[in-house]
N, C-alpha and C. Protein backbone atom coordinates (compact mmCIF):
# COMPACT_ATOMS: atom_id res chain seq x y z
N MET A 1 91.82 97.20 119.00
CA MET A 1 91.15 98.43 118.91
C MET A 1 92.16 99.59 118.90
N ALA A 2 92.24 100.34 117.80
CA ALA A 2 93.16 101.45 117.78
C ALA A 2 92.77 102.40 116.61
N VAL A 3 93.05 103.65 116.81
CA VAL A 3 92.87 104.63 115.73
C VAL A 3 94.02 104.50 114.70
N GLU A 4 93.84 105.04 113.55
CA GLU A 4 94.95 105.12 112.60
C GLU A 4 94.99 106.58 112.06
N ILE A 5 96.15 107.14 112.04
CA ILE A 5 96.42 108.49 111.52
C ILE A 5 96.90 108.30 110.10
N VAL A 6 96.27 108.93 109.10
CA VAL A 6 96.59 108.66 107.68
C VAL A 6 97.40 109.86 107.10
N ASP A 7 97.72 109.76 105.82
CA ASP A 7 98.56 110.73 105.14
C ASP A 7 98.03 112.17 105.13
N ALA A 8 96.74 112.39 105.43
CA ALA A 8 96.17 113.67 105.48
C ALA A 8 96.76 114.49 106.59
N CYS A 9 97.34 113.80 107.64
CA CYS A 9 98.01 114.41 108.73
C CYS A 9 99.09 115.41 108.30
N VAL A 10 99.15 116.56 108.98
CA VAL A 10 100.13 117.61 108.67
C VAL A 10 101.28 117.67 109.67
N ASN A 11 101.35 116.67 110.56
CA ASN A 11 102.39 116.67 111.65
C ASN A 11 102.33 117.94 112.51
N CYS A 12 101.22 118.29 112.99
CA CYS A 12 101.12 119.50 113.84
C CYS A 12 101.47 119.14 115.30
N PHE A 13 101.56 117.91 115.60
CA PHE A 13 101.99 117.46 116.92
C PHE A 13 100.92 117.62 118.03
N ALA A 14 99.76 118.15 117.72
CA ALA A 14 98.67 118.42 118.73
C ALA A 14 98.22 117.14 119.40
N CYS A 15 98.18 116.03 118.71
CA CYS A 15 97.67 114.80 119.24
C CYS A 15 98.59 114.15 120.28
N ILE A 16 99.87 114.36 120.14
CA ILE A 16 100.86 113.64 120.96
C ILE A 16 100.58 113.89 122.43
N ASP A 17 100.45 115.18 122.80
CA ASP A 17 100.28 115.54 124.27
C ASP A 17 98.91 115.14 124.85
N VAL A 18 97.92 114.97 124.03
CA VAL A 18 96.61 114.65 124.61
C VAL A 18 96.34 113.17 124.66
N CYS A 19 97.21 112.36 124.09
CA CYS A 19 97.00 110.87 124.16
C CYS A 19 97.24 110.33 125.55
N PRO A 20 96.22 109.80 126.22
CA PRO A 20 96.46 109.32 127.58
C PRO A 20 97.29 108.08 127.65
N SER A 21 97.47 107.35 126.56
CA SER A 21 98.22 106.10 126.55
C SER A 21 99.59 106.24 125.90
N SER A 22 99.96 107.47 125.52
CA SER A 22 101.19 107.72 124.90
C SER A 22 101.44 106.84 123.65
N ALA A 23 100.39 106.69 122.85
CA ALA A 23 100.46 105.77 121.73
C ALA A 23 100.82 106.43 120.37
N ILE A 24 101.07 107.72 120.37
CA ILE A 24 101.31 108.48 119.08
C ILE A 24 102.80 108.92 119.11
N ASP A 25 103.42 108.64 117.93
CA ASP A 25 104.82 109.01 117.77
C ASP A 25 104.95 109.70 116.38
N GLU A 26 105.96 110.50 116.19
CA GLU A 26 106.22 111.14 114.89
C GLU A 26 106.74 110.12 113.90
N GLY A 27 106.11 110.16 112.74
CA GLY A 27 106.57 109.26 111.65
C GLY A 27 107.26 110.16 110.60
N LYS A 28 107.69 109.58 109.48
CA LYS A 28 108.33 110.32 108.47
C LYS A 28 107.37 111.34 107.74
N SER A 29 106.17 110.88 107.44
CA SER A 29 105.27 111.76 106.69
C SER A 29 104.05 112.18 107.51
N HIS A 30 103.78 111.40 108.57
CA HIS A 30 102.64 111.75 109.49
C HIS A 30 102.79 111.04 110.82
N MET A 31 101.96 111.42 111.74
CA MET A 31 102.04 110.73 113.06
C MET A 31 101.64 109.26 112.97
N LEU A 32 102.25 108.46 113.76
CA LEU A 32 101.97 107.07 113.77
C LEU A 32 101.35 106.64 115.14
N VAL A 33 100.42 105.71 115.07
CA VAL A 33 99.79 105.21 116.29
C VAL A 33 100.29 103.81 116.56
N ASN A 34 100.76 103.56 117.80
CA ASN A 34 101.13 102.24 118.24
C ASN A 34 99.86 101.48 118.59
N ALA A 35 99.43 100.55 117.76
CA ALA A 35 98.20 99.84 117.95
C ALA A 35 98.11 99.06 119.24
N LYS A 36 99.31 98.66 119.71
CA LYS A 36 99.39 97.89 121.00
C LYS A 36 99.09 98.76 122.24
N LYS A 37 99.33 100.12 122.11
CA LYS A 37 99.10 101.01 123.18
C LYS A 37 97.74 101.69 123.12
N CYS A 38 97.26 101.95 121.85
CA CYS A 38 96.06 102.76 121.70
C CYS A 38 94.83 102.08 122.14
N THR A 39 94.04 102.74 122.96
CA THR A 39 92.71 102.22 123.51
C THR A 39 91.53 103.03 122.99
N GLU A 40 91.84 103.92 122.00
CA GLU A 40 90.80 104.83 121.51
C GLU A 40 90.20 105.65 122.70
N CYS A 41 90.95 105.80 123.72
CA CYS A 41 90.65 106.58 124.95
C CYS A 41 89.50 105.93 125.74
N GLU A 42 89.14 104.69 125.41
CA GLU A 42 88.10 103.99 126.15
C GLU A 42 88.49 103.86 127.61
N GLY A 43 87.58 104.26 128.49
CA GLY A 43 87.82 104.23 129.93
C GLY A 43 88.46 105.53 130.43
N ASP A 44 88.96 106.37 129.52
CA ASP A 44 89.59 107.66 129.95
C ASP A 44 88.71 108.86 129.47
N PHE A 45 88.21 108.78 128.26
CA PHE A 45 87.45 109.88 127.69
C PHE A 45 86.34 109.35 126.85
N ALA A 46 85.23 110.14 126.60
CA ALA A 46 84.15 109.72 125.77
C ALA A 46 84.55 109.59 124.27
N ASP A 47 85.51 110.41 123.86
CA ASP A 47 85.90 110.40 122.47
C ASP A 47 87.46 110.35 122.44
N PRO A 48 87.95 109.77 121.30
CA PRO A 48 89.40 109.74 121.13
C PRO A 48 89.97 111.15 121.20
N GLN A 49 90.91 111.44 122.11
CA GLN A 49 91.43 112.79 122.25
C GLN A 49 92.18 113.31 121.05
N CYS A 50 92.91 112.41 120.36
CA CYS A 50 93.70 112.77 119.19
C CYS A 50 92.68 113.39 118.17
N ALA A 51 91.56 112.78 117.92
CA ALA A 51 90.58 113.30 116.98
C ALA A 51 89.90 114.53 117.53
N SER A 52 89.75 114.67 118.80
CA SER A 52 89.11 115.89 119.37
C SER A 52 89.94 117.15 119.10
N ILE A 53 91.22 116.96 119.04
CA ILE A 53 92.07 118.14 118.84
C ILE A 53 92.66 118.26 117.45
N CYS A 54 92.50 117.27 116.63
CA CYS A 54 93.00 117.28 115.29
C CYS A 54 92.36 118.33 114.36
N PRO A 55 93.19 119.21 113.76
CA PRO A 55 92.61 120.24 112.91
C PRO A 55 92.34 119.84 111.44
N ILE A 56 92.59 118.56 111.18
CA ILE A 56 92.45 118.06 109.77
C ILE A 56 91.29 117.04 109.70
N GLU A 57 90.26 117.36 108.90
CA GLU A 57 89.24 116.40 108.68
C GLU A 57 89.71 115.17 107.93
N THR A 58 89.23 114.03 108.29
CA THR A 58 89.60 112.75 107.69
C THR A 58 90.96 112.20 107.94
N ALA A 59 91.74 112.86 108.82
CA ALA A 59 93.14 112.46 109.13
C ALA A 59 93.19 111.26 110.09
N ILE A 60 92.13 111.06 110.90
CA ILE A 60 92.16 109.98 111.85
C ILE A 60 90.98 109.10 111.68
N LEU A 61 91.25 107.76 111.54
CA LEU A 61 90.27 106.75 111.37
C LEU A 61 90.05 106.00 112.63
N ASP A 62 88.82 105.55 112.88
CA ASP A 62 88.57 104.63 114.02
C ASP A 62 88.95 103.24 113.65
N SER A 63 88.76 102.29 114.56
CA SER A 63 89.20 100.90 114.37
C SER A 63 88.47 100.26 113.23
N SER A 64 87.29 100.79 112.80
CA SER A 64 86.54 100.18 111.73
C SER A 64 86.92 100.87 110.36
N GLY A 65 87.85 101.87 110.40
CA GLY A 65 88.25 102.48 109.16
C GLY A 65 87.46 103.69 108.78
N LEU A 66 86.55 104.19 109.63
CA LEU A 66 85.82 105.35 109.35
C LEU A 66 86.41 106.57 109.89
N ALA A 67 86.40 107.75 109.18
CA ALA A 67 86.93 108.97 109.66
C ALA A 67 86.23 109.42 110.87
N ILE A 68 86.96 109.70 111.93
CA ILE A 68 86.41 110.19 113.18
C ILE A 68 85.91 111.67 112.97
N ASN A 69 86.65 112.47 112.23
CA ASN A 69 86.23 113.82 111.85
C ASN A 69 86.02 113.77 110.36
N PRO A 70 84.77 113.42 110.00
CA PRO A 70 84.43 113.32 108.52
C PRO A 70 84.39 114.74 107.94
N PRO A 71 84.44 114.78 106.59
CA PRO A 71 84.27 116.11 105.89
C PRO A 71 83.12 116.90 106.40
N GLY A 72 83.39 118.16 106.74
CA GLY A 72 82.36 119.05 107.22
C GLY A 72 82.27 119.12 108.73
N SER A 73 82.84 118.19 109.43
CA SER A 73 82.63 118.08 110.86
C SER A 73 83.39 119.22 111.60
N LEU A 74 84.52 119.71 111.11
CA LEU A 74 85.22 120.74 111.78
C LEU A 74 84.86 122.14 111.28
N THR A 75 84.54 122.24 110.03
CA THR A 75 84.18 123.52 109.50
C THR A 75 82.73 123.91 109.72
N GLY A 76 81.87 122.87 109.86
CA GLY A 76 80.44 123.11 109.97
C GLY A 76 79.80 123.30 108.60
N ILE A 77 80.56 123.10 107.52
CA ILE A 77 80.12 123.31 106.17
C ILE A 77 79.88 121.94 105.57
N PRO A 78 78.72 121.57 105.22
CA PRO A 78 78.47 120.22 104.58
C PRO A 78 79.33 120.08 103.31
N PRO A 79 79.86 118.91 103.06
CA PRO A 79 80.76 118.78 101.87
C PRO A 79 80.13 119.20 100.61
N GLU A 80 78.82 119.05 100.44
CA GLU A 80 78.18 119.40 99.16
C GLU A 80 78.06 120.92 99.01
N LYS A 81 78.32 121.68 100.06
CA LYS A 81 78.29 123.17 99.98
C LYS A 81 79.66 123.76 100.05
N MET A 82 80.74 122.93 100.26
CA MET A 82 82.07 123.44 100.43
C MET A 82 82.57 124.28 99.25
N ASN A 83 82.33 123.77 98.05
CA ASN A 83 82.91 124.54 96.86
C ASN A 83 82.27 125.89 96.72
N ALA A 84 80.98 126.01 97.02
CA ALA A 84 80.34 127.31 97.01
C ALA A 84 80.87 128.22 98.09
N ALA A 85 81.16 127.72 99.24
CA ALA A 85 81.77 128.51 100.39
C ALA A 85 83.15 128.98 99.99
N ILE A 86 83.97 128.13 99.42
CA ILE A 86 85.31 128.47 98.97
C ILE A 86 85.25 129.60 97.93
N MET A 87 84.31 129.44 96.95
CA MET A 87 84.22 130.49 95.87
C MET A 87 83.75 131.79 96.49
N GLU A 88 82.86 131.75 97.49
CA GLU A 88 82.39 133.02 98.15
C GLU A 88 83.57 133.67 98.89
N ILE A 89 84.38 132.88 99.58
CA ILE A 89 85.52 133.46 100.31
C ILE A 89 86.58 134.03 99.34
N LYS A 90 86.80 133.36 98.21
CA LYS A 90 87.73 133.86 97.27
C LYS A 90 87.26 135.19 96.61
N ALA A 91 85.96 135.32 96.46
CA ALA A 91 85.42 136.52 95.86
C ALA A 91 85.47 137.73 96.73
N ARG A 92 85.82 137.58 97.99
CA ARG A 92 85.82 138.72 98.92
C ARG A 92 87.04 139.61 98.69
């Protein structure tokens, strides 16, 4: 049981300090999770802390390969409405 941080990660380092098992390290292109140390915060927190602080949607996957912060979860904008929202912002 371990989360995975994928290439969408921007190396902001926010996840390193909140990991209770010190399972996250800096990689060349994105943060890396030591699967032997990662517990997905089970027993410590209700949700994986790395995903709770991560500012990038879809950057962290749970042990089943699903994005913990799926598209729209951080912005509150459903994916099907994102293009319209971006166009509205650009028009301002």
